N, C-alpha and C. Protein backbone atom coordinates (compact mmCIF):
# COMPACT_ATOMS: atom_id res chain seq x y z
N MET A 1 0.85 -1.19 0.00
CA MET A 1 0.00 0.00 0.00
C MET A 1 0.88 1.24 0.00
N GLY A 2 0.64 2.17 -0.90
CA GLY A 2 1.42 3.40 -1.00
C GLY A 2 0.99 4.40 0.05
N VAL A 3 1.82 5.41 0.19
CA VAL A 3 1.48 6.46 1.15
C VAL A 3 0.56 7.47 0.49
N GLN A 4 -0.22 8.14 1.31
CA GLN A 4 -1.21 9.09 0.84
C GLN A 4 -0.54 10.39 0.40
N GLN A 5 -1.01 10.94 -0.71
CA GLN A 5 -0.52 12.24 -1.16
C GLN A 5 -1.08 13.32 -0.23
N ILE A 6 -0.23 14.23 0.18
CA ILE A 6 -0.63 15.31 1.07
C ILE A 6 -0.40 16.63 0.36
N LYS A 7 -1.45 17.44 0.27
CA LYS A 7 -1.38 18.74 -0.39
C LYS A 7 -1.78 19.81 0.63
N PHE A 8 -1.04 20.90 0.63
CA PHE A 8 -1.36 22.03 1.48
C PHE A 8 -2.38 22.90 0.76
N GLY A 9 -3.36 23.37 1.51
CA GLY A 9 -4.31 24.32 0.98
C GLY A 9 -4.02 25.67 1.59
N THR A 10 -5.05 26.45 1.81
CA THR A 10 -4.89 27.75 2.42
C THR A 10 -4.29 27.60 3.81
N ASP A 11 -3.08 28.05 3.97
CA ASP A 11 -2.42 28.11 5.27
C ASP A 11 -2.20 26.75 5.94
N GLY A 12 -2.09 25.67 5.17
CA GLY A 12 -1.75 24.39 5.80
C GLY A 12 -2.44 23.20 5.16
N TRP A 13 -2.32 22.08 5.85
CA TRP A 13 -2.93 20.82 5.42
C TRP A 13 -3.98 20.41 6.44
N ARG A 14 -5.13 20.00 5.96
CA ARG A 14 -6.21 19.56 6.84
C ARG A 14 -6.78 18.25 6.33
N GLY A 15 -7.28 17.46 7.26
CA GLY A 15 -7.89 16.20 6.88
C GLY A 15 -8.81 15.70 7.99
N VAL A 16 -9.59 14.71 7.65
CA VAL A 16 -10.50 14.10 8.63
C VAL A 16 -9.66 13.23 9.56
N VAL A 17 -9.84 13.44 10.86
CA VAL A 17 -9.11 12.67 11.86
C VAL A 17 -9.41 11.18 11.68
N ALA A 18 -8.36 10.38 11.70
CA ALA A 18 -8.38 8.92 11.57
C ALA A 18 -8.63 8.44 10.14
N ASP A 19 -8.88 9.36 9.22
CA ASP A 19 -9.01 9.01 7.81
C ASP A 19 -7.77 9.52 7.08
N ASP A 20 -7.66 10.83 6.89
CA ASP A 20 -6.48 11.45 6.29
C ASP A 20 -5.50 11.92 7.36
N PHE A 21 -6.05 12.51 8.40
CA PHE A 21 -5.22 13.10 9.45
C PHE A 21 -4.91 12.03 10.48
N THR A 22 -3.81 11.33 10.26
CA THR A 22 -3.38 10.22 11.11
C THR A 22 -2.01 10.54 11.69
N PHE A 23 -1.61 9.79 12.70
CA PHE A 23 -0.28 9.99 13.26
C PHE A 23 0.79 9.73 12.21
N GLY A 24 0.59 8.73 11.37
CA GLY A 24 1.56 8.44 10.32
C GLY A 24 1.73 9.60 9.36
N ASN A 25 0.61 10.18 8.91
CA ASN A 25 0.70 11.32 7.99
C ASN A 25 1.25 12.57 8.68
N VAL A 26 0.88 12.78 9.93
CA VAL A 26 1.41 13.94 10.67
C VAL A 26 2.93 13.80 10.82
N ARG A 27 3.42 12.59 11.09
CA ARG A 27 4.87 12.40 11.19
C ARG A 27 5.56 12.66 9.86
N ARG A 28 4.93 12.29 8.74
CA ARG A 28 5.51 12.58 7.42
C ARG A 28 5.61 14.09 7.20
N VAL A 29 4.55 14.82 7.52
CA VAL A 29 4.57 16.27 7.36
C VAL A 29 5.60 16.90 8.29
N ALA A 30 5.68 16.40 9.53
CA ALA A 30 6.67 16.92 10.48
C ALA A 30 8.10 16.64 9.99
N GLN A 31 8.34 15.46 9.43
CA GLN A 31 9.68 15.13 8.91
C GLN A 31 10.04 16.06 7.75
N ALA A 32 9.11 16.30 6.86
CA ALA A 32 9.36 17.23 5.75
C ALA A 32 9.62 18.63 6.27
N THR A 33 8.89 19.03 7.30
CA THR A 33 9.09 20.35 7.90
C THR A 33 10.47 20.43 8.56
N ALA A 34 10.87 19.37 9.25
CA ALA A 34 12.19 19.33 9.89
C ALA A 34 13.29 19.47 8.84
N GLN A 35 13.14 18.77 7.73
CA GLN A 35 14.13 18.86 6.66
C GLN A 35 14.21 20.29 6.14
N TYR A 36 13.06 20.93 5.97
CA TYR A 36 13.04 22.32 5.50
C TYR A 36 13.71 23.25 6.51
N MET A 37 13.35 23.12 7.80
CA MET A 37 13.91 24.01 8.81
C MET A 37 15.43 23.87 8.89
N LYS A 38 15.94 22.67 8.68
CA LYS A 38 17.39 22.46 8.74
C LYS A 38 18.11 23.13 7.56
N THR A 39 17.38 23.46 6.50
CA THR A 39 17.99 24.23 5.40
C THR A 39 17.98 25.72 5.71
N ARG A 40 17.20 26.12 6.69
CA ARG A 40 17.06 27.54 7.04
C ARG A 40 18.00 27.96 8.16
N SER A 41 18.50 26.98 8.94
CA SER A 41 19.34 27.31 10.09
C SER A 41 20.23 26.13 10.44
N ASN A 42 21.45 26.43 10.88
CA ASN A 42 22.35 25.38 11.37
C ASN A 42 21.95 24.90 12.76
N ASP A 43 21.19 25.72 13.48
CA ASP A 43 20.74 25.39 14.83
C ASP A 43 19.27 25.76 14.96
N PRO A 44 18.39 25.02 14.26
CA PRO A 44 16.98 25.44 14.22
C PRO A 44 16.28 25.32 15.58
N LEU A 45 15.34 26.22 15.77
CA LEU A 45 14.45 26.20 16.92
C LEU A 45 13.03 26.20 16.38
N ALA A 46 12.24 25.23 16.81
CA ALA A 46 10.85 25.12 16.36
C ALA A 46 9.89 25.39 17.51
N ILE A 47 8.76 25.97 17.17
CA ILE A 47 7.66 26.17 18.10
C ILE A 47 6.55 25.20 17.67
N VAL A 48 5.92 24.54 18.63
CA VAL A 48 4.80 23.65 18.31
C VAL A 48 3.62 24.05 19.18
N GLY A 49 2.53 24.43 18.52
CA GLY A 49 1.31 24.79 19.21
C GLY A 49 0.18 23.87 18.79
N TYR A 50 -0.94 23.98 19.49
CA TYR A 50 -2.11 23.15 19.17
C TYR A 50 -3.36 23.77 19.75
N ASP A 51 -4.51 23.38 19.17
CA ASP A 51 -5.78 23.83 19.70
C ASP A 51 -6.40 22.71 20.53
N CYS A 52 -7.68 22.81 20.83
CA CYS A 52 -8.29 21.82 21.72
C CYS A 52 -9.17 20.81 20.99
N ARG A 53 -8.93 20.62 19.72
CA ARG A 53 -9.64 19.56 19.00
C ARG A 53 -9.17 18.20 19.48
N PHE A 54 -9.93 17.18 19.09
CA PHE A 54 -9.63 15.81 19.48
C PHE A 54 -8.17 15.46 19.17
N ALA A 55 -7.44 15.06 20.18
CA ALA A 55 -6.06 14.56 20.11
C ALA A 55 -5.04 15.58 19.61
N SER A 56 -5.38 16.86 19.57
CA SER A 56 -4.41 17.86 19.10
C SER A 56 -3.13 17.84 19.92
N GLU A 57 -3.25 17.71 21.22
CA GLU A 57 -2.06 17.68 22.08
C GLU A 57 -1.19 16.46 21.75
N ASP A 58 -1.81 15.33 21.45
CA ASP A 58 -1.07 14.12 21.09
C ASP A 58 -0.40 14.27 19.73
N PHE A 59 -1.09 14.88 18.76
CA PHE A 59 -0.47 15.13 17.46
C PHE A 59 0.70 16.10 17.61
N ALA A 60 0.55 17.12 18.47
CA ALA A 60 1.64 18.07 18.71
C ALA A 60 2.84 17.35 19.32
N ALA A 61 2.60 16.41 20.23
CA ALA A 61 3.70 15.65 20.82
C ALA A 61 4.41 14.81 19.75
N ALA A 62 3.65 14.26 18.82
CA ALA A 62 4.25 13.47 17.73
C ALA A 62 5.13 14.37 16.86
N VAL A 63 4.67 15.58 16.57
CA VAL A 63 5.47 16.54 15.80
C VAL A 63 6.75 16.86 16.55
N SER A 64 6.64 17.14 17.84
CA SER A 64 7.81 17.47 18.66
C SER A 64 8.83 16.33 18.67
N ASP A 65 8.35 15.10 18.76
CA ASP A 65 9.25 13.94 18.75
C ASP A 65 9.99 13.82 17.42
N VAL A 66 9.30 14.07 16.31
CA VAL A 66 9.96 14.01 15.00
C VAL A 66 11.00 15.12 14.90
N PHE A 67 10.64 16.33 15.33
CA PHE A 67 11.61 17.42 15.29
C PHE A 67 12.84 17.06 16.12
N ALA A 68 12.62 16.56 17.34
CA ALA A 68 13.74 16.20 18.22
C ALA A 68 14.60 15.11 17.60
N SER A 69 13.97 14.15 16.93
CA SER A 69 14.74 13.06 16.31
C SER A 69 15.62 13.58 15.17
N ASN A 70 15.34 14.79 14.70
CA ASN A 70 16.15 15.45 13.69
C ASN A 70 17.13 16.45 14.31
N GLY A 71 17.23 16.44 15.64
CA GLY A 71 18.16 17.34 16.32
C GLY A 71 17.69 18.76 16.44
N ILE A 72 16.38 18.98 16.30
CA ILE A 72 15.83 20.34 16.36
C ILE A 72 15.31 20.63 17.76
N LYS A 73 15.81 21.71 18.36
CA LYS A 73 15.29 22.15 19.65
C LYS A 73 13.85 22.62 19.43
N THR A 74 12.96 22.20 20.32
CA THR A 74 11.54 22.46 20.13
C THR A 74 10.90 22.96 21.42
N LEU A 75 10.14 24.03 21.29
CA LEU A 75 9.32 24.52 22.39
C LEU A 75 7.88 24.16 22.06
N VAL A 76 7.29 23.28 22.86
CA VAL A 76 5.90 22.86 22.63
C VAL A 76 5.02 23.49 23.72
N PHE A 77 3.92 24.07 23.29
CA PHE A 77 3.02 24.72 24.24
C PHE A 77 2.49 23.71 25.26
N ASP A 78 2.21 24.21 26.45
CA ASP A 78 1.71 23.34 27.52
C ASP A 78 0.19 23.43 27.67
N ARG A 79 -0.44 24.11 26.72
CA ARG A 79 -1.91 24.23 26.73
C ARG A 79 -2.40 24.63 25.34
N PRO A 80 -3.66 24.36 25.05
CA PRO A 80 -4.20 24.80 23.75
C PRO A 80 -4.13 26.32 23.65
N SER A 81 -3.78 26.80 22.46
CA SER A 81 -3.60 28.24 22.25
C SER A 81 -3.98 28.61 20.83
N PRO A 82 -4.42 29.84 20.61
CA PRO A 82 -4.70 30.29 19.24
C PRO A 82 -3.43 30.25 18.38
N THR A 83 -3.60 30.05 17.09
CA THR A 83 -2.49 30.01 16.15
C THR A 83 -1.62 31.25 16.26
N GLN A 84 -2.22 32.39 16.49
CA GLN A 84 -1.47 33.65 16.56
C GLN A 84 -0.44 33.64 17.68
N VAL A 85 -0.68 32.86 18.73
CA VAL A 85 0.30 32.77 19.82
C VAL A 85 1.57 32.08 19.30
N ALA A 86 1.42 31.08 18.47
CA ALA A 86 2.59 30.43 17.88
C ALA A 86 3.35 31.41 16.99
N SER A 87 2.62 32.17 16.19
CA SER A 87 3.27 33.17 15.32
C SER A 87 4.03 34.19 16.16
N TRP A 88 3.41 34.68 17.22
CA TRP A 88 4.06 35.64 18.10
C TRP A 88 5.30 35.03 18.74
N THR A 89 5.21 33.76 19.17
CA THR A 89 6.32 33.10 19.84
C THR A 89 7.49 32.90 18.89
N VAL A 90 7.21 32.63 17.61
CA VAL A 90 8.29 32.51 16.62
C VAL A 90 9.10 33.81 16.60
N ILE A 91 8.42 34.92 16.55
CA ILE A 91 9.11 36.22 16.49
C ILE A 91 9.83 36.50 17.82
N ASP A 92 9.12 36.27 18.93
CA ASP A 92 9.68 36.55 20.25
C ASP A 92 10.93 35.72 20.53
N ARG A 93 10.92 34.46 20.13
CA ARG A 93 12.05 33.55 20.41
C ARG A 93 13.04 33.45 19.26
N LYS A 94 12.79 34.20 18.18
CA LYS A 94 13.65 34.15 16.99
C LYS A 94 13.79 32.71 16.49
N ALA A 95 12.66 32.03 16.43
CA ALA A 95 12.62 30.63 16.02
C ALA A 95 12.69 30.50 14.50
N THR A 96 13.01 29.31 14.06
CA THR A 96 13.09 29.02 12.63
C THR A 96 11.70 28.89 12.03
N GLY A 97 10.74 28.46 12.83
CA GLY A 97 9.37 28.31 12.36
C GLY A 97 8.50 27.67 13.42
N ALA A 98 7.23 27.49 13.07
CA ALA A 98 6.27 26.88 13.99
C ALA A 98 5.36 25.92 13.25
N ALA A 99 5.03 24.84 13.92
CA ALA A 99 3.99 23.93 13.46
C ALA A 99 2.83 24.08 14.43
N VAL A 100 1.64 24.22 13.91
CA VAL A 100 0.45 24.37 14.75
C VAL A 100 -0.57 23.33 14.33
N ILE A 101 -1.02 22.55 15.29
CA ILE A 101 -2.05 21.54 15.04
C ILE A 101 -3.40 22.20 15.26
N THR A 102 -4.10 22.46 14.16
CA THR A 102 -5.41 23.12 14.19
C THR A 102 -6.08 22.97 12.83
N ALA A 103 -7.37 22.85 12.83
CA ALA A 103 -8.11 22.86 11.56
C ALA A 103 -8.86 24.17 11.38
N SER A 104 -8.58 25.14 12.23
CA SER A 104 -9.18 26.47 12.14
C SER A 104 -10.69 26.39 12.11
N HIS A 105 -11.28 26.88 11.04
CA HIS A 105 -12.73 27.02 10.93
C HIS A 105 -13.43 25.75 10.43
N ASN A 106 -12.69 24.70 10.14
CA ASN A 106 -13.29 23.49 9.58
C ASN A 106 -14.11 22.72 10.62
N PRO A 107 -15.03 21.87 10.18
CA PRO A 107 -15.88 21.12 11.11
C PRO A 107 -15.08 20.25 12.08
N TYR A 108 -15.73 19.82 13.15
CA TYR A 108 -15.10 19.13 14.27
C TYR A 108 -14.35 17.86 13.89
N GLN A 109 -14.76 17.18 12.83
CA GLN A 109 -14.10 15.92 12.48
C GLN A 109 -12.74 16.12 11.81
N TYR A 110 -12.39 17.35 11.51
CA TYR A 110 -11.11 17.68 10.87
C TYR A 110 -10.07 18.09 11.91
N ASN A 111 -8.84 17.91 11.53
CA ASN A 111 -7.73 18.55 12.22
C ASN A 111 -6.74 18.97 11.14
N GLY A 112 -5.72 19.70 11.52
CA GLY A 112 -4.81 20.20 10.50
C GLY A 112 -3.44 20.54 11.04
N TYR A 113 -2.56 20.87 10.11
CA TYR A 113 -1.16 21.19 10.40
C TYR A 113 -0.84 22.47 9.64
N LYS A 114 -0.52 23.52 10.38
CA LYS A 114 -0.09 24.77 9.77
C LYS A 114 1.40 24.93 10.03
N TYR A 115 2.10 25.46 9.05
CA TYR A 115 3.50 25.80 9.26
C TYR A 115 3.64 27.31 9.13
N LYS A 116 4.32 27.91 10.08
CA LYS A 116 4.59 29.35 10.09
C LYS A 116 6.09 29.56 9.91
N THR A 117 6.46 30.51 9.08
CA THR A 117 7.86 30.77 8.78
C THR A 117 8.55 31.51 9.93
N GLU A 118 9.83 31.80 9.74
CA GLU A 118 10.60 32.53 10.75
C GLU A 118 10.08 33.93 11.00
N THR A 119 9.18 34.41 10.15
CA THR A 119 8.55 35.72 10.37
C THR A 119 7.22 35.57 11.11
N GLY A 120 6.81 34.33 11.39
CA GLY A 120 5.53 34.08 12.06
C GLY A 120 4.35 34.10 11.11
N SER A 121 4.63 34.26 9.82
CA SER A 121 3.55 34.40 8.84
C SER A 121 3.25 33.08 8.15
N ALA A 122 2.20 33.09 7.38
CA ALA A 122 1.84 31.93 6.56
C ALA A 122 2.96 31.67 5.55
N VAL A 123 3.08 30.44 5.11
CA VAL A 123 4.16 30.08 4.20
C VAL A 123 3.84 30.53 2.78
N PRO A 124 4.85 31.07 2.09
CA PRO A 124 4.65 31.43 0.70
C PRO A 124 4.56 30.18 -0.19
N SER A 125 4.05 30.34 -1.38
CA SER A 125 3.81 29.21 -2.27
C SER A 125 5.07 28.41 -2.58
N GLU A 126 6.23 29.05 -2.68
CA GLU A 126 7.45 28.29 -2.97
C GLU A 126 7.86 27.40 -1.80
N VAL A 127 7.56 27.81 -0.58
CA VAL A 127 7.84 26.96 0.59
C VAL A 127 6.85 25.81 0.63
N ILE A 128 5.58 26.08 0.34
CA ILE A 128 4.58 25.01 0.26
C ILE A 128 5.02 23.96 -0.75
N ALA A 129 5.48 24.41 -1.91
CA ALA A 129 5.93 23.47 -2.95
C ALA A 129 7.10 22.62 -2.45
N GLU A 130 8.03 23.24 -1.72
CA GLU A 130 9.17 22.48 -1.18
C GLU A 130 8.72 21.48 -0.12
N LEU A 131 7.82 21.90 0.77
CA LEU A 131 7.29 20.98 1.78
C LEU A 131 6.59 19.80 1.12
N GLU A 132 5.75 20.08 0.12
CA GLU A 132 5.03 19.01 -0.56
C GLU A 132 5.99 18.06 -1.28
N ARG A 133 7.05 18.60 -1.88
CA ARG A 133 8.07 17.73 -2.51
C ARG A 133 8.74 16.84 -1.46
N ASN A 134 9.10 17.43 -0.32
CA ASN A 134 9.72 16.66 0.76
C ASN A 134 8.78 15.56 1.24
N ILE A 135 7.50 15.89 1.39
CA ILE A 135 6.52 14.90 1.86
C ILE A 135 6.35 13.78 0.85
N SER A 136 6.30 14.13 -0.42
CA SER A 136 5.98 13.14 -1.47
C SER A 136 7.02 12.03 -1.58
N VAL A 137 8.25 12.28 -1.18
CA VAL A 137 9.29 11.25 -1.28
C VAL A 137 9.43 10.44 0.00
N LEU A 138 8.66 10.79 1.02
CA LEU A 138 8.75 10.07 2.29
C LEU A 138 7.80 8.89 2.31
N ASP A 139 8.32 7.76 2.73
CA ASP A 139 7.47 6.64 3.05
C ASP A 139 7.04 6.82 4.50
N GLU A 140 6.64 5.76 5.13
CA GLU A 140 6.24 5.83 6.53
C GLU A 140 7.38 6.36 7.39
N VAL A 141 7.06 7.28 8.28
CA VAL A 141 8.02 7.80 9.26
C VAL A 141 7.64 7.17 10.60
N PRO A 142 8.45 6.25 11.11
CA PRO A 142 8.10 5.59 12.37
C PRO A 142 8.11 6.56 13.54
N ALA A 143 7.36 6.23 14.55
CA ALA A 143 7.35 7.06 15.76
C ALA A 143 8.73 6.99 16.40
N PRO A 144 9.36 8.14 16.63
CA PRO A 144 10.68 8.14 17.27
C PRO A 144 10.59 7.68 18.73
N GLU A 145 11.68 7.18 19.24
CA GLU A 145 11.77 6.87 20.66
C GLU A 145 11.61 8.17 21.44
N HIS A 146 10.83 8.14 22.51
CA HIS A 146 10.66 9.36 23.31
C HIS A 146 11.98 9.82 23.92
N SER A 147 12.92 8.91 24.11
CA SER A 147 14.19 9.28 24.72
C SER A 147 15.00 10.25 23.85
N VAL A 148 14.74 10.27 22.53
CA VAL A 148 15.49 11.20 21.67
C VAL A 148 15.12 12.65 21.97
N ALA A 149 13.95 12.86 22.55
CA ALA A 149 13.50 14.21 22.86
C ALA A 149 14.19 14.78 24.09
N HIS A 150 14.84 13.93 24.86
CA HIS A 150 15.47 14.39 26.10
C HIS A 150 16.40 15.57 25.84
N GLY A 151 16.10 16.68 26.47
CA GLY A 151 16.92 17.87 26.33
C GLY A 151 16.62 18.72 25.11
N LEU A 152 15.83 18.21 24.17
CA LEU A 152 15.52 18.98 22.97
C LEU A 152 14.11 19.54 22.97
N VAL A 153 13.20 18.96 23.74
CA VAL A 153 11.82 19.40 23.77
C VAL A 153 11.50 19.96 25.15
N SER A 154 10.96 21.18 25.17
CA SER A 154 10.56 21.80 26.42
C SER A 154 9.36 22.70 26.16
N SER A 155 8.81 23.25 27.23
CA SER A 155 7.72 24.23 27.10
C SER A 155 8.30 25.61 27.32
N PRO A 156 7.73 26.62 26.66
CA PRO A 156 8.21 27.99 26.91
C PRO A 156 8.04 28.32 28.39
N SER A 157 9.00 29.02 28.96
CA SER A 157 8.92 29.35 30.38
C SER A 157 7.81 30.36 30.65
N GLU A 158 7.46 31.13 29.65
CA GLU A 158 6.38 32.10 29.79
C GLU A 158 5.49 32.01 28.56
N MET A 159 4.21 32.11 28.78
CA MET A 159 3.26 32.15 27.68
C MET A 159 2.56 33.51 27.76
N PRO A 160 2.29 34.14 26.63
CA PRO A 160 1.58 35.42 26.68
C PRO A 160 0.17 35.23 27.24
N ALA A 161 -0.38 36.29 27.79
CA ALA A 161 -1.70 36.23 28.41
C ALA A 161 -2.76 35.70 27.45
N CYS A 162 -2.63 36.01 26.16
CA CYS A 162 -3.64 35.58 25.21
C CYS A 162 -3.63 34.06 25.01
N ALA A 163 -2.60 33.37 25.47
CA ALA A 163 -2.53 31.92 25.32
C ALA A 163 -3.58 31.21 26.15
N SER A 164 -4.07 31.87 27.19
CA SER A 164 -5.06 31.21 28.03
C SER A 164 -6.48 31.65 27.71
N SER A 165 -6.65 32.35 26.61
CA SER A 165 -7.97 32.80 26.19
C SER A 165 -8.87 31.61 25.92
N THR A 166 -10.05 31.61 26.49
CA THR A 166 -10.97 30.49 26.27
C THR A 166 -11.54 30.46 24.87
N SER A 167 -11.44 31.55 24.13
CA SER A 167 -12.03 31.56 22.79
C SER A 167 -11.36 30.55 21.87
N ALA A 168 -10.12 30.16 22.15
CA ALA A 168 -9.43 29.18 21.30
C ALA A 168 -10.12 27.82 21.36
N CYS A 169 -10.77 27.53 22.47
CA CYS A 169 -11.38 26.21 22.63
C CYS A 169 -12.90 26.23 22.55
N THR A 170 -13.50 27.35 22.88
CA THR A 170 -14.95 27.37 22.92
C THR A 170 -15.56 28.05 21.71
N GLY A 171 -14.76 28.87 21.03
CA GLY A 171 -15.30 29.63 19.91
C GLY A 171 -16.07 30.85 20.37
N ARG A 172 -16.18 31.05 21.68
CA ARG A 172 -16.90 32.20 22.21
C ARG A 172 -15.93 33.35 22.43
N ALA A 173 -16.42 34.53 22.21
CA ALA A 173 -15.60 35.71 22.47
C ALA A 173 -15.39 35.87 23.96
N THR A 174 -14.24 36.39 24.34
CA THR A 174 -13.97 36.72 25.74
C THR A 174 -13.58 38.19 25.78
N ALA A 175 -13.37 38.67 27.00
CA ALA A 175 -12.99 40.08 27.13
C ALA A 175 -11.67 40.37 26.44
N THR A 176 -10.80 39.36 26.32
CA THR A 176 -9.50 39.59 25.69
C THR A 176 -9.47 39.19 24.23
N SER A 177 -10.56 38.62 23.71
CA SER A 177 -10.56 38.21 22.31
C SER A 177 -11.91 38.50 21.64
N PRO A 178 -12.13 39.77 21.28
CA PRO A 178 -13.41 40.13 20.67
C PRO A 178 -13.57 39.50 19.29
N ARG A 179 -14.80 39.30 18.89
CA ARG A 179 -15.10 38.76 17.55
C ARG A 179 -15.70 39.82 16.70
């Protein structure tokens, strides 16, 4: 059985959880992202964020493990946060990029993977093309041993106040996040 083709759409890749969006496919996308980040820096730093959809924290941990297995220092959020917090953290920490597990506005059965560049912005089309090329040549990426993450994966010591906004998980506006 061949591996599934993965295409990025507007601001990332999205799929139905357990159908397209699987741990195997997320590891392939993370491996392609790791390869890309290593071309951007000799000592890459990655940010990994996630929302509160089903298993987002677990998918984020899988991404962090793949990054660590590639020797990439990774800061993974310790709570669900809006995508913009990852973008801000990239700039604040001078990171190489960020992976965010979120399907944004898509229905509940979806989840997704967004990549943010070193500027915290959405990826330009030439980077999307490179990521998709990297993904297309990858077969299955096995789950790395958790021990490889030792010393490479941590949580940011401080999270901005907006990281605890309930609107990221409930969709409701709060005093700090108007709609």
